[in-house]
Amino acid sequence: MLSLNNGQPIPPIGLGTYKIAESEGVKAAIKTALDLGYRLFDTAFVYNNEHLLGQAFREAFSQSAIKREDIFVVSKLGPTFHRPEVVEQGCRRSLERLGLDYVDLYLMHTPVAAKDPGDGNDRSAVDDEVTPLETWKALEECQRKGLARSIGVSNFSEEQLKEIMIEGSIKPVVNQVECSLGFHQADLRKFCNKEGIIIMAYSPLGKPKSGKKHPFLDSTDLHKIAEKYGRSSAQISLRFLIEIGTIPIPKSSKAERMKENLDVLSFKLEDDDVRALEALVEQQRSMHLDWLKASKHYPFKV
C-alpha cells in the first residue's frame, strides 16, 4: 500500500471502468477483479456505471469475506455539479448510485464546469462563471462531512493546482491525468512529487492511432526490455509507471488481461531500464478532452 499526503493508504494499482457500462459486463468485471486481488476501483458520475459497481460491491460484501473497508473506491464530480451550492448534491448522488456511505477518494473530474440543462450529465456547454477554486472549496466541505475520506482533482495543470493549494485549506491528494510510457508527464510529475500529490495514471497504456501501430507498445526497444524480464510490453509499461511514482488504473473487462496487469506488482525494473524507458519515445498527448477547449479554464494550453 502507498500513502496519500493525509496519511490514508491507497493501493498501488487499480481497475479503471471508463466505457464499461453494460450491466452484466460491469458486475462480472468487478467480481473477477476482486477475486484476482484488485482493491482500487475508479469510476465517475459521467461514466454512468456507478450504480452497477454498487451492485457488484454489495454482492461481494454479502457473498464473500470482502468488507467495505477492504476496497478503495474513487469517483468524480460531474462537470454539471461545479457550482458550490450543488457540489454536495453531486457527491451524494454518486454515493446513492454506489450504495455507499462514503468514497475513499472524490475527484473534481475537470477544472471546467458545464451548464446543466436539467439531467445533470450534459457537457455540451461550458460554464466559465464557475472557477475551479470555488468548486474545490465546496469539495472540501464534502470531506469535512465524511462523504469522502480524501479529495483530489483530475485533468488539472500545475498552475491550476497551485491556485487551489494556495487559496484552499485542504491539499489535493491526487491529480488523475493521462500518463503513460508514451506521455509520462515529466514536468507535472516533478511538481506533484515535490508537493506530495500522487499522479493517478489514466490511459496508462496509451491508445493506437486509427489505422496505425500503437505509438509505443510496438517499439522494438520496448520489446527488447520486455524479453529481458520475460514480460509483455504492456506489463513493462505499467511497471514503469509504478517505478516513477504513479498509480496506474488500466481498464479491462477480460480476466486474463486483468490478471496480467495486476501481476506487475510481482517484479521490479532496474534503474537503467527505467531511464531507458523514460527516453524511449517522443512525448505526445492522446487525450485532448476537446469539449473543454471552449473554456478559459482549459488545462492543456501549455
C-alpha atoms as a PDB file:
ATOM      1  CA  MET A   1       0.000   0.000   0.000  1.00  0.00           C
ATOM      2  CA  LEU A   2       1.042   3.588  -0.658  1.00  0.00           C
ATOM      3  CA  SER A   3       0.152   6.591   1.492  1.00  0.00           C
ATOM      4  CA  LEU A   4      -1.648   9.760   0.434  1.00  0.00           C
ATOM      5  CA  ASN A   5      -0.431  13.083   1.806  1.00  0.00           C
ATOM      6  CA  ASN A   6      -3.109  12.921   4.515  1.00  0.00           C
ATOM      7  CA  GLY A   7      -1.878   9.535   5.729  1.00  0.00           C
ATOM      8  CA  GLN A   8      -4.665   7.475   4.146  1.00  0.00           C
ATOM      9  CA  PRO A   9      -3.484   4.217   2.499  1.00  0.00           C
ATOM     10  CA  ILE A  10      -4.111   3.588  -1.201  1.00  0.00           C
ATOM     11  CA  PRO A  11      -3.369   0.526  -3.379  1.00  0.00           C
ATOM     12  CA  PRO A  12      -0.545   0.898  -5.942  1.00  0.00           C
ATOM     13  CA  ILE A  13      -2.675  -0.100  -8.956  1.00  0.00           C
ATOM     14  CA  GLY A  14      -6.388  -0.098  -9.712  1.00  0.00           C
ATOM     15  CA  LEU A  15      -9.076  -1.012 -12.217  1.00  0.00           C
ATOM     16  CA  GLY A  16     -10.400   1.703 -14.499  1.00  0.00           C
ATOM     17  CA  THR A  17     -14.032   1.373 -15.566  1.00  0.00           C
ATOM     18  CA  TYR A  18     -14.402   4.070 -18.233  1.00  0.00           C
ATOM     19  CA  LYS A  19     -16.717   2.848 -21.024  1.00  0.00           C
ATOM     20  CA  ILE A  20     -17.590  -0.313 -19.098  1.00  0.00           C
ATOM     21  CA  ALA A  21     -21.288   0.383 -18.742  1.00  0.00           C
ATOM     22  CA  GLU A  22     -23.135  -2.797 -19.721  1.00  0.00           C
ATOM     23  CA  SER A  23     -24.852  -4.292 -16.657  1.00  0.00           C
ATOM     24  CA  GLU A  24     -23.616  -7.868 -16.661  1.00  0.00           C
ATOM     25  CA  GLY A  25     -20.239  -6.810 -18.030  1.00  0.00           C
ATOM     26  CA  VAL A  26     -19.591  -4.416 -15.161  1.00  0.00           C
ATOM     27  CA  LYS A  27     -20.676  -6.826 -12.434  1.00  0.00           C
ATOM     28  CA  ALA A  28     -18.669  -9.679 -13.942  1.00  0.00           C
ATOM     29  CA  ALA A  29     -15.595  -7.451 -14.314  1.00  0.00           C
ATOM     30  CA  ILE A  30     -15.778  -6.263 -10.699  1.00  0.00           C
ATOM     31  CA  LYS A  31     -16.289  -9.789  -9.375  1.00  0.00           C
ATOM     32  CA  THR A  32     -13.336 -11.070 -11.403  1.00  0.00           C
ATOM     33  CA  ALA A  33     -11.170  -8.161 -10.305  1.00  0.00           C
ATOM     34  CA  LEU A  34     -11.998  -8.704  -6.641  1.00  0.00           C
ATOM     35  CA  ASP A  35     -11.252 -12.412  -6.953  1.00  0.00           C
ATOM     36  CA  LEU A  36      -7.892 -11.614  -8.550  1.00  0.00           C
ATOM     37  CA  GLY A  37      -6.969  -9.206  -5.763  1.00  0.00           C
ATOM     38  CA  TYR A  38      -7.827  -5.753  -7.091  1.00  0.00           C
ATOM     39  CA  ARG A  39      -8.852  -3.383  -4.333  1.00  0.00           C
ATOM     40  CA  LEU A  40      -8.862   0.042  -6.051  1.00  0.00           C
ATOM     41  CA  PHE A  41     -11.757   0.814  -8.383  1.00  0.00           C
ATOM     42  CA  ASP A  42     -12.120   4.024 -10.385  1.00  0.00           C
ATOM     43  CA  THR A  43     -15.408   5.367 -11.694  1.00  0.00           C
ATOM     44  CA  ALA A  44     -17.135   8.723 -12.246  1.00  0.00           C
ATOM     45  CA  PHE A  45     -20.575  10.266 -12.405  1.00  0.00           C
ATOM     46  CA  VAL A  46     -20.251  10.766 -16.172  1.00  0.00           C
ATOM     47  CA  TYR A  47     -19.341   7.108 -16.761  1.00  0.00           C
ATOM     48  CA  ASN A  48     -22.958   6.147 -15.986  1.00  0.00           C
ATOM     49  CA  ASN A  49     -21.883   2.936 -14.270  1.00  0.00           C
ATOM     50  CA  GLU A  50     -21.660   3.886 -10.584  1.00  0.00           C
ATOM     51  CA  HIS A  51     -24.903   2.037  -9.851  1.00  0.00           C
ATOM     52  CA  LEU A  52     -23.525  -1.118 -11.499  1.00  0.00           C
ATOM     53  CA  LEU A  53     -20.336  -1.001  -9.468  1.00  0.00           C
ATOM     54  CA  GLY A  54     -22.502  -0.516  -6.389  1.00  0.00           C
ATOM     55  CA  GLN A  55     -24.491  -3.652  -7.178  1.00  0.00           C
ATOM     56  CA  ALA A  56     -21.282  -5.623  -7.686  1.00  0.00           C
ATOM     57  CA  PHE A  57     -19.835  -4.381  -4.397  1.00  0.00           C
ATOM     58  CA  ARG A  58     -22.981  -5.275  -2.457  1.00  0.00           C
ATOM     59  CA  GLU A  59     -22.955  -8.794  -3.909  1.00  0.00           C
ATOM     60  CA  ALA A  60     -19.295  -9.159  -2.963  1.00  0.00           C
ATOM     61  CA  PHE A  61     -19.932  -7.952   0.598  1.00  0.00           C
ATOM     62  CA  SER A  62     -22.784 -10.417   1.041  1.00  0.00           C
ATOM     63  CA  GLN A  63     -21.235 -13.418  -0.707  1.00  0.00           C
ATOM     64  CA  SER A  64     -17.563 -13.255   0.297  1.00  0.00           C
ATOM     65  CA  ALA A  65     -15.264 -12.220   3.103  1.00  0.00           C
ATOM     66  CA  ILE A  66     -14.610  -8.849   1.440  1.00  0.00           C
ATOM     67  CA  LYS A  67     -15.785  -5.877   3.505  1.00  0.00           C
ATOM     68  CA  ARG A  68     -16.326  -2.239   2.597  1.00  0.00           C
ATOM     69  CA  GLU A  69     -13.093  -1.226   4.309  1.00  0.00           C
ATOM     70  CA  ASP A  70     -11.167  -3.669   2.106  1.00  0.00           C
ATOM     71  CA  ILE A  71     -11.784  -1.704  -1.091  1.00  0.00           C
ATOM     72  CA  PHE A  72     -10.747   1.766  -2.204  1.00  0.00           C
ATOM     73  CA  VAL A  73     -13.419   3.468  -4.307  1.00  0.00           C
ATOM     74  CA  VAL A  74     -12.693   6.518  -6.449  1.00  0.00           C
ATOM     75  CA  SER A  75     -15.415   8.585  -8.075  1.00  0.00           C
ATOM     76  CA  LYS A  76     -15.582  12.020  -9.626  1.00  0.00           C
ATOM     77  CA  LEU A  77     -17.783  15.079  -9.525  1.00  0.00           C
ATOM     78  CA  GLY A  78     -19.749  15.591 -12.718  1.00  0.00           C
ATOM     79  CA  PRO A  79     -18.961  18.900 -14.516  1.00  0.00           C
ATOM     80  CA  THR A  80     -22.604  19.988 -14.188  1.00  0.00           C
ATOM     81  CA  PHE A  81     -22.265  19.954 -10.389  1.00  0.00           C
ATOM     82  CA  HIS A  82     -19.456  22.520 -10.119  1.00  0.00           C
ATOM     83  CA  ARG A  83     -21.481  25.377  -8.697  1.00  0.00           C
ATOM     84  CA  PRO A  84     -20.692  25.483  -4.972  1.00  0.00           C
ATOM     85  CA  GLU A  85     -24.320  25.124  -3.938  1.00  0.00           C
ATOM     86  CA  VAL A  86     -24.718  21.812  -5.827  1.00  0.00           C
ATOM     87  CA  VAL A  87     -21.314  20.180  -5.285  1.00  0.00           C
ATOM     88  CA  GLU A  88     -22.552  18.243  -2.259  1.00  0.00           C
ATOM     89  CA  GLN A  89     -25.629  17.181  -4.219  1.00  0.00           C
ATOM     90  CA  GLY A  90     -23.354  15.781  -6.933  1.00  0.00           C
ATOM     91  CA  CYS A  91     -21.324  13.879  -4.367  1.00  0.00           C
ATOM     92  CA  ARG A  92     -24.404  12.485  -2.658  1.00  0.00           C
ATOM     93  CA  ARG A  93     -25.855  11.357  -5.985  1.00  0.00           C
ATOM     94  CA  SER A  94     -22.697   9.361  -6.653  1.00  0.00           C
ATOM     95  CA  LEU A  95     -22.886   7.830  -3.170  1.00  0.00           C
ATOM     96  CA  GLU A  96     -26.533   6.937  -3.725  1.00  0.00           C
ATOM     97  CA  ARG A  97     -25.685   5.242  -7.020  1.00  0.00           C
ATOM     98  CA  LEU A  98     -22.783   3.385  -5.450  1.00  0.00           C
ATOM     99  CA  GLY A  99     -24.813   2.432  -2.388  1.00  0.00           C
ATOM    100  CA  LEU A 100     -22.004   3.639  -0.129  1.00  0.00           C
ATOM    101  CA  ASP A 101     -21.809   5.977   2.860  1.00  0.00           C
ATOM    102  CA  TYR A 102     -18.525   7.447   1.640  1.00  0.00           C
ATOM    103  CA  VAL A 103     -15.988   7.208  -1.153  1.00  0.00           C
ATOM    104  CA  ASP A 104     -12.328   6.808  -0.359  1.00  0.00           C
ATOM    105  CA  LEU A 105     -11.353   9.430  -2.920  1.00  0.00           C
ATOM    106  CA  TYR A 106     -13.518  12.009  -4.644  1.00  0.00           C
ATOM    107  CA  LEU A 107     -12.075  13.998  -7.541  1.00  0.00           C
ATOM    108  CA  MET A 108     -13.101  17.116  -9.420  1.00  0.00           C
ATOM    109  CA  HIS A 109     -13.243  15.458 -12.839  1.00  0.00           C
ATOM    110  CA  THR A 110     -12.120  18.545 -14.746  1.00  0.00           C
ATOM    111  CA  PRO A 111     -11.325  22.168 -13.902  1.00  0.00           C
ATOM    112  CA  VAL A 112     -14.082  23.126 -16.347  1.00  0.00           C
ATOM    113  CA  ALA A 113     -17.723  23.401 -15.314  1.00  0.00           C
ATOM    114  CA  ALA A 114     -20.627  22.592 -17.635  1.00  0.00           C
ATOM    115  CA  LYS A 115     -24.054  24.161 -17.742  1.00  0.00           C
ATOM    116  CA  ASP A 116     -26.807  21.858 -16.551  1.00  0.00           C
ATOM    117  CA  PRO A 117     -29.836  21.618 -18.863  1.00  0.00           C
ATOM    118  CA  GLY A 118     -31.680  19.515 -16.299  1.00  0.00           C
ATOM    119  CA  ASP A 119     -30.425  15.942 -16.435  1.00  0.00           C
ATOM    120  CA  GLY A 120     -27.160  16.543 -14.586  1.00  0.00           C
ATOM    121  CA  ASN A 121     -24.990  14.851 -17.194  1.00  0.00           C
ATOM    122  CA  ASP A 122     -24.838  17.097 -20.267  1.00  0.00           C
ATOM    123  CA  ARG A 123     -21.408  18.548 -21.018  1.00  0.00           C
ATOM    124  CA  SER A 124     -22.390  20.385 -24.201  1.00  0.00           C
ATOM    125  CA  ALA A 125     -21.819  23.934 -22.897  1.00  0.00           C
ATOM    126  CA  VAL A 126     -19.074  25.146 -20.597  1.00  0.00           C
ATOM    127  CA  ASP A 127     -19.885  27.393 -17.647  1.00  0.00           C
ATOM    128  CA  ASP A 128     -16.984  29.763 -17.068  1.00  0.00           C
ATOM    129  CA  GLU A 129     -18.823  31.685 -14.386  1.00  0.00           C
ATOM    130  CA  VAL A 130     -17.674  28.945 -12.013  1.00  0.00           C
ATOM    131  CA  THR A 131     -13.988  28.778 -11.112  1.00  0.00           C
ATOM    132  CA  PRO A 132     -12.128  25.601 -10.116  1.00  0.00           C
ATOM    133  CA  LEU A 133     -11.302  27.243  -6.778  1.00  0.00           C
ATOM    134  CA  GLU A 134     -14.978  27.807  -5.926  1.00  0.00           C
ATOM    135  CA  THR A 135     -15.731  24.175  -6.685  1.00  0.00           C
ATOM    136  CA  TRP A 136     -12.706  22.992  -4.720  1.00  0.00           C
ATOM    137  CA  LYS A 137     -13.778  24.837  -1.575  1.00  0.00           C
ATOM    138  CA  ALA A 138     -17.171  23.126  -1.786  1.00  0.00           C
ATOM    139  CA  LEU A 139     -15.411  19.773  -2.241  1.00  0.00           C
ATOM    140  CA  GLU A 140     -13.528  20.445   0.976  1.00  0.00           C
ATOM    141  CA  GLU A 141     -16.889  20.544   2.760  1.00  0.00           C
ATOM    142  CA  CYS A 142     -17.715  17.096   1.367  1.00  0.00           C
ATOM    143  CA  GLN A 143     -14.576  15.768   3.033  1.00  0.00           C
ATOM    144  CA  ARG A 144     -15.329  17.551   6.309  1.00  0.00           C
ATOM    145  CA  LYS A 145     -18.788  15.978   6.340  1.00  0.00           C
ATOM    146  CA  GLY A 146     -17.320  12.497   5.849  1.00  0.00           C
ATOM    147  CA  LEU A 147     -18.774  11.961   2.363  1.00  0.00           C
ATOM    148  CA  ALA A 148     -15.229  11.467   1.048  1.00  0.00           C
ATOM    149  CA  ARG A 149     -12.203  10.280   3.006  1.00  0.00           C
ATOM    150  CA  SER A 150      -9.881  12.182   0.649  1.00  0.00           C
ATOM    151  CA  ILE A 151     -10.327  14.662  -2.181  1.00  0.00           C
ATOM    152  CA  GLY A 152      -8.325  15.459  -5.268  1.00  0.00           C
ATOM    153  CA  VAL A 153      -8.559  16.598  -8.866  1.00  0.00           C
ATOM    154  CA  SER A 154      -8.336  15.269 -12.400  1.00  0.00           C
ATOM    155  CA  ASN A 155      -7.010  16.866 -15.588  1.00  0.00           C
ATOM    156  CA  PHE A 156      -5.514  19.831 -13.707  1.00  0.00           C
ATOM    157  CA  SER A 157      -2.451  21.744 -14.848  1.00  0.00           C
ATOM    158  CA  GLU A 158       0.350  22.764 -12.488  1.00  0.00           C
ATOM    159  CA  GLU A 159      -0.945  26.345 -12.363  1.00  0.00           C
ATOM    160  CA  GLN A 160      -4.466  25.199 -11.509  1.00  0.00           C
ATOM    161  CA  LEU A 161      -3.091  23.000  -8.747  1.00  0.00           C
ATOM    162  CA  LYS A 162      -1.090  25.900  -7.339  1.00  0.00           C
ATOM    163  CA  GLU A 163      -4.178  28.099  -7.117  1.00  0.00           C
ATOM    164  CA  ILE A 164      -6.252  25.674  -5.059  1.00  0.00           C
ATOM    165  CA  MET A 165      -3.251  24.803  -2.901  1.00  0.00           C
ATOM    166  CA  ILE A 166      -2.684  28.484  -2.075  1.00  0.00           C
ATOM    167  CA  GLU A 167      -6.306  29.559  -1.706  1.00  0.00           C
ATOM    168  CA  GLY A 168      -7.866  26.334  -0.407  1.00  0.00           C
ATOM    169  CA  SER A 169      -7.491  24.779   3.019  1.00  0.00           C
ATOM    170  CA  ILE A 170      -7.064  21.095   2.031  1.00  0.00           C
ATOM    171  CA  LYS A 171      -4.272  19.986  -0.285  1.00  0.00           C
ATOM    172  CA  PRO A 172      -5.333  17.631  -3.097  1.00  0.00           C
ATOM    173  CA  VAL A 173      -4.041  14.101  -2.537  1.00  0.00           C
ATOM    174  CA  VAL A 174      -4.233  13.048  -6.196  1.00  0.00           C
ATOM    175  CA  ASN A 175      -4.205  14.547  -9.679  1.00  0.00           C
ATOM    176  CA  GLN A 176      -5.605  11.951 -12.090  1.00  0.00           C
ATOM    177  CA  VAL A 177      -4.275  12.643 -15.577  1.00  0.00           C
ATOM    178  CA  GLU A 178      -3.307  10.869 -18.761  1.00  0.00           C
ATOM    179  CA  CYS A 179       0.058   9.294 -18.057  1.00  0.00           C
ATOM    180  CA  SER A 180       1.771   6.501 -19.940  1.00  0.00           C
ATOM    181  CA  LEU A 181       5.137   5.400 -21.246  1.00  0.00           C
ATOM    182  CA  GLY A 182       4.357   7.490 -24.318  1.00  0.00           C
ATOM    183  CA  PHE A 183       3.319  10.571 -22.327  1.00  0.00           C
ATOM    184  CA  HIS A 184       4.772  10.358 -18.860  1.00  0.00           C
ATOM    185  CA  GLN A 185       4.176  13.958 -17.716  1.00  0.00           C
ATOM    186  CA  ALA A 186       7.723  14.635 -16.528  1.00  0.00           C
ATOM    187  CA  ASP A 187       7.203  18.290 -15.546  1.00  0.00           C
ATOM    188  CA  LEU A 188       3.836  17.761 -13.883  1.00  0.00           C
ATOM    189  CA  ARG A 189       5.147  14.711 -12.032  1.00  0.00           C
ATOM    190  CA  LYS A 190       8.127  16.662 -10.752  1.00  0.00           C
ATOM    191  CA  PHE A 191       5.827  19.331  -9.321  1.00  0.00           C
ATOM    192  CA  CYS A 192       3.362  16.849  -7.843  1.00  0.00           C
ATOM    193  CA  ASN A 193       6.122  14.741  -6.303  1.00  0.00           C
ATOM    194  CA  LYS A 194       7.530  17.852  -4.624  1.00  0.00           C
ATOM    195  CA  GLU A 195       4.101  18.690  -3.198  1.00  0.00           C
ATOM    196  CA  GLY A 196       3.210  15.141  -2.144  1.00  0.00           C
ATOM    197  CA  ILE A 197       0.389  14.842  -4.700  1.00  0.00           C
ATOM    198  CA  ILE A 198       0.165  11.413  -6.317  1.00  0.00           C
ATOM    199  CA  ILE A 199      -0.343  11.170 -10.071  1.00  0.00           C
ATOM    200  CA  MET A 200      -3.045   8.602 -10.842  1.00  0.00           C
ATOM    201  CA  ALA A 201      -2.493   7.493 -14.425  1.00  0.00           C
ATOM    202  CA  TYR A 202      -5.476   7.034 -16.712  1.00  0.00           C
ATOM    203  CA  SER A 203      -4.949   5.650 -20.231  1.00  0.00           C
ATOM    204  CA  PRO A 204      -1.748   4.095 -18.840  1.00  0.00           C
ATOM    205  CA  LEU A 205      -1.212   2.011 -21.968  1.00  0.00           C
ATOM    206  CA  GLY A 206      -1.993   4.823 -24.378  1.00  0.00           C
ATOM    207  CA  LYS A 207      -4.083   4.119 -27.420  1.00  0.00           C
ATOM    208  CA  PRO A 208      -3.198   3.317 -31.039  1.00  0.00           C
ATOM    209  CA  LYS A 209      -3.962   5.911 -33.661  1.00  0.00           C
ATOM    210  CA  SER A 210      -6.591   4.914 -36.190  1.00  0.00           C
ATOM    211  CA  GLY A 211      -5.135   2.516 -38.726  1.00  0.00           C
ATOM    212  CA  LYS A 212      -1.635   2.774 -37.281  1.00  0.00           C
ATOM    213  CA  LYS A 213       0.572   0.832 -34.928  1.00  0.00           C
ATOM    214  CA  HIS A 214       0.498   1.560 -31.239  1.00  0.00           C
ATOM    215  CA  PRO A 215       2.682   4.639 -30.616  1.00  0.00           C
ATOM    216  CA  PHE A 216       4.932   2.916 -28.080  1.00  0.00           C
ATOM    217  CA  LEU A 217       3.802  -0.636 -27.275  1.00  0.00           C
ATOM    218  CA  ASP A 218       5.062  -1.694 -30.703  1.00  0.00           C
ATOM    219  CA  SER A 219       8.506  -0.205 -30.074  1.00  0.00           C
ATOM    220  CA  THR A 220      11.396  -2.563 -30.814  1.00  0.00           C
ATOM    221  CA  ASP A 221      13.341  -1.168 -27.838  1.00  0.00           C
ATOM    222  CA  LEU A 222      10.415  -1.836 -25.512  1.00  0.00           C
ATOM    223  CA  HIS A 223      10.114  -5.371 -26.858  1.00  0.00           C
ATOM    224  CA  LYS A 224      13.781  -5.968 -26.026  1.00  0.00           C
ATOM    225  CA  ILE A 225      13.265  -4.858 -22.420  1.00  0.00           C
ATOM    226  CA  ALA A 226      10.113  -6.981 -22.185  1.00  0.00           C
ATOM    227  CA  GLU A 227      12.076 -10.024 -23.379  1.00  0.00           C
ATOM    228  CA  LYS A 228      14.751  -9.368 -20.766  1.00  0.00           C
ATOM    229  CA  TYR A 229      12.164  -9.638 -17.976  1.00  0.00           C
ATOM    230  CA  GLY A 230      10.041 -12.326 -19.603  1.00  0.00           C
ATOM    231  CA  ARG A 231       7.039  -9.984 -19.563  1.00  0.00           C
ATOM    232  CA  SER A 232       4.713  -8.379 -22.070  1.00  0.00           C
ATOM    233  CA  SER A 233       5.235  -4.847 -23.372  1.00  0.00           C
ATOM    234  CA  ALA A 234       2.066  -3.796 -21.553  1.00  0.00           C
ATOM    235  CA  GLN A 235       3.384  -5.149 -18.255  1.00  0.00           C
ATOM    236  CA  ILE A 236       6.688  -3.319 -18.667  1.00  0.00           C
ATOM    237  CA  SER A 237       4.767  -0.123 -19.439  1.00  0.00           C
ATOM    238  CA  LEU A 238       2.610  -0.425 -16.311  1.00  0.00           C
ATOM    239  CA  ARG A 239       5.570  -1.340 -14.122  1.00  0.00           C
ATOM    240  CA  PHE A 240       7.405   1.712 -15.478  1.00  0.00           C
ATOM    241  CA  LEU A 241       4.545   3.921 -14.264  1.00  0.00           C
ATOM    242  CA  ILE A 242       4.753   2.378 -10.808  1.00  0.00           C
ATOM    243  CA  GLU A 243       8.539   2.839 -10.737  1.00  0.00           C
ATOM    244  CA  ILE A 244       8.209   6.572 -11.470  1.00  0.00           C
ATOM    245  CA  GLY A 245       5.720   7.011  -8.623  1.00  0.00           C
ATOM    246  CA  THR A 246       2.303   6.973 -10.269  1.00  0.00           C
ATOM    247  CA  ILE A 247      -0.746   4.760  -9.678  1.00  0.00           C
ATOM    248  CA  PRO A 248      -1.913   3.272 -12.992  1.00  0.00           C
ATOM    249  CA  ILE A 249      -5.585   2.392 -13.448  1.00  0.00           C
ATOM    250  CA  PRO A 250      -5.698   0.248 -16.604  1.00  0.00           C
ATOM    251  CA  LYS A 251      -9.157  -0.554 -17.904  1.00  0.00           C
ATOM    252  CA  SER A 252     -10.146  -4.088 -18.841  1.00  0.00           C
ATOM    253  CA  SER A 253     -13.112  -6.407 -18.548  1.00  0.00           C
ATOM    254  CA  LYS A 254     -11.155  -9.530 -19.585  1.00  0.00           C
ATOM    255  CA  ALA A 255      -9.948 -11.794 -16.777  1.00  0.00           C
ATOM    256  CA  GLU A 256      -6.688 -12.729 -18.490  1.00  0.00           C
ATOM    257  CA  ARG A 257      -5.747  -9.103 -19.125  1.00  0.00           C
ATOM    258  CA  MET A 258      -6.736  -8.047 -15.603  1.00  0.00           C
ATOM    259  CA  LYS A 259      -4.539 -10.784 -14.153  1.00  0.00           C
ATOM    260  CA  GLU A 260      -1.637  -9.777 -16.376  1.00  0.00           C
ATOM    261  CA  ASN A 261      -1.981  -6.128 -15.356  1.00  0.00           C
ATOM    262  CA  LEU A 262      -2.099  -6.911 -11.645  1.00  0.00           C
ATOM    263  CA  ASP A 263       0.937  -9.168 -11.951  1.00  0.00           C
ATOM    264  CA  VAL A 264       3.140  -6.107 -12.481  1.00  0.00           C
ATOM    265  CA  LEU A 265       3.320  -5.923  -8.676  1.00  0.00           C
ATOM    266  CA  SER A 266       5.406  -9.110  -8.672  1.00  0.00           C
ATOM    267  CA  PHE A 267       8.572  -7.679 -10.266  1.00  0.00           C
ATOM    268  CA  LYS A 268      10.662  -4.509 -10.455  1.00  0.00           C
ATOM    269  CA  LEU A 269      12.648  -2.786 -13.186  1.00  0.00           C
ATOM    270  CA  GLU A 270      16.334  -1.981 -12.917  1.00  0.00           C
ATOM    271  CA  ASP A 271      17.153   1.737 -12.707  1.00  0.00           C
ATOM    272  CA  ASP A 272      18.964   1.684 -16.051  1.00  0.00           C
ATOM    273  CA  ASP A 273      15.872   0.272 -17.738  1.00  0.00           C
ATOM    274  CA  VAL A 274      13.626   2.902 -16.163  1.00  0.00           C
ATOM    275  CA  ARG A 275      15.926   5.626 -17.526  1.00  0.00           C
ATOM    276  CA  ALA A 276      15.962   3.969 -20.940  1.00  0.00           C
ATOM    277  CA  LEU A 277      12.169   3.831 -20.986  1.00  0.00           C
ATOM    278  CA  GLU A 278      11.888   7.493 -19.985  1.00  0.00           C
ATOM    279  CA  ALA A 279      13.879   8.410 -23.077  1.00  0.00           C
ATOM    280  CA  LEU A 280      12.197   5.895 -25.359  1.00  0.00           C
ATOM    281  CA  VAL A 281       9.561   7.909 -27.207  1.00  0.00           C
ATOM    282  CA  GLU A 282       8.526  11.438 -28.038  1.00  0.00           C
ATOM    283  CA  GLN A 283       6.018  12.769 -25.552  1.00  0.00           C
ATOM    284  CA  GLN A 284       2.601  13.132 -27.156  1.00  0.00           C
ATOM    285  CA  ARG A 285      -0.796  13.619 -25.515  1.00  0.00           C
ATOM    286  CA  SER A 286      -3.534  11.371 -26.881  1.00  0.00           C
ATOM    287  CA  MET A 287      -6.478  12.575 -24.738  1.00  0.00           C
ATOM    288  CA  HIS A 288      -7.254  16.224 -25.526  1.00  0.00           C
ATOM    289  CA  LEU A 289     -10.761  16.459 -23.989  1.00  0.00           C
ATOM    290  CA  ASP A 290     -11.932  18.641 -26.851  1.00  0.00           C
ATOM    291  CA  TRP A 291     -15.200  19.705 -25.227  1.00  0.00           C
ATOM    292  CA  LEU A 292     -13.157  21.629 -22.636  1.00  0.00           C
ATOM    293  CA  LYS A 293     -11.394  23.792 -25.229  1.00  0.00           C
ATOM    294  CA  ALA A 294     -14.147  26.414 -25.257  1.00  0.00           C
ATOM    295  CA  SER A 295     -13.353  27.259 -21.636  1.00  0.00           C
ATOM    296  CA  LYS A 296     -10.804  29.732 -20.310  1.00  0.00           C
ATOM    297  CA  HIS A 297     -10.034  27.033 -17.731  1.00  0.00           C
ATOM    298  CA  TYR A 298      -8.903  24.537 -20.391  1.00  0.00           C
ATOM    299  CA  PRO A 299      -5.963  22.830 -18.674  1.00  0.00           C
ATOM    300  CA  PHE A 300      -3.787  21.695 -21.582  1.00  0.00           C
ATOM    301  CA  LYS A 301      -2.782  25.046 -23.119  1.00  0.00           C
ATOM    302  CA  VAL A 302       0.879  24.628 -22.255  1.00  0.00           C
END
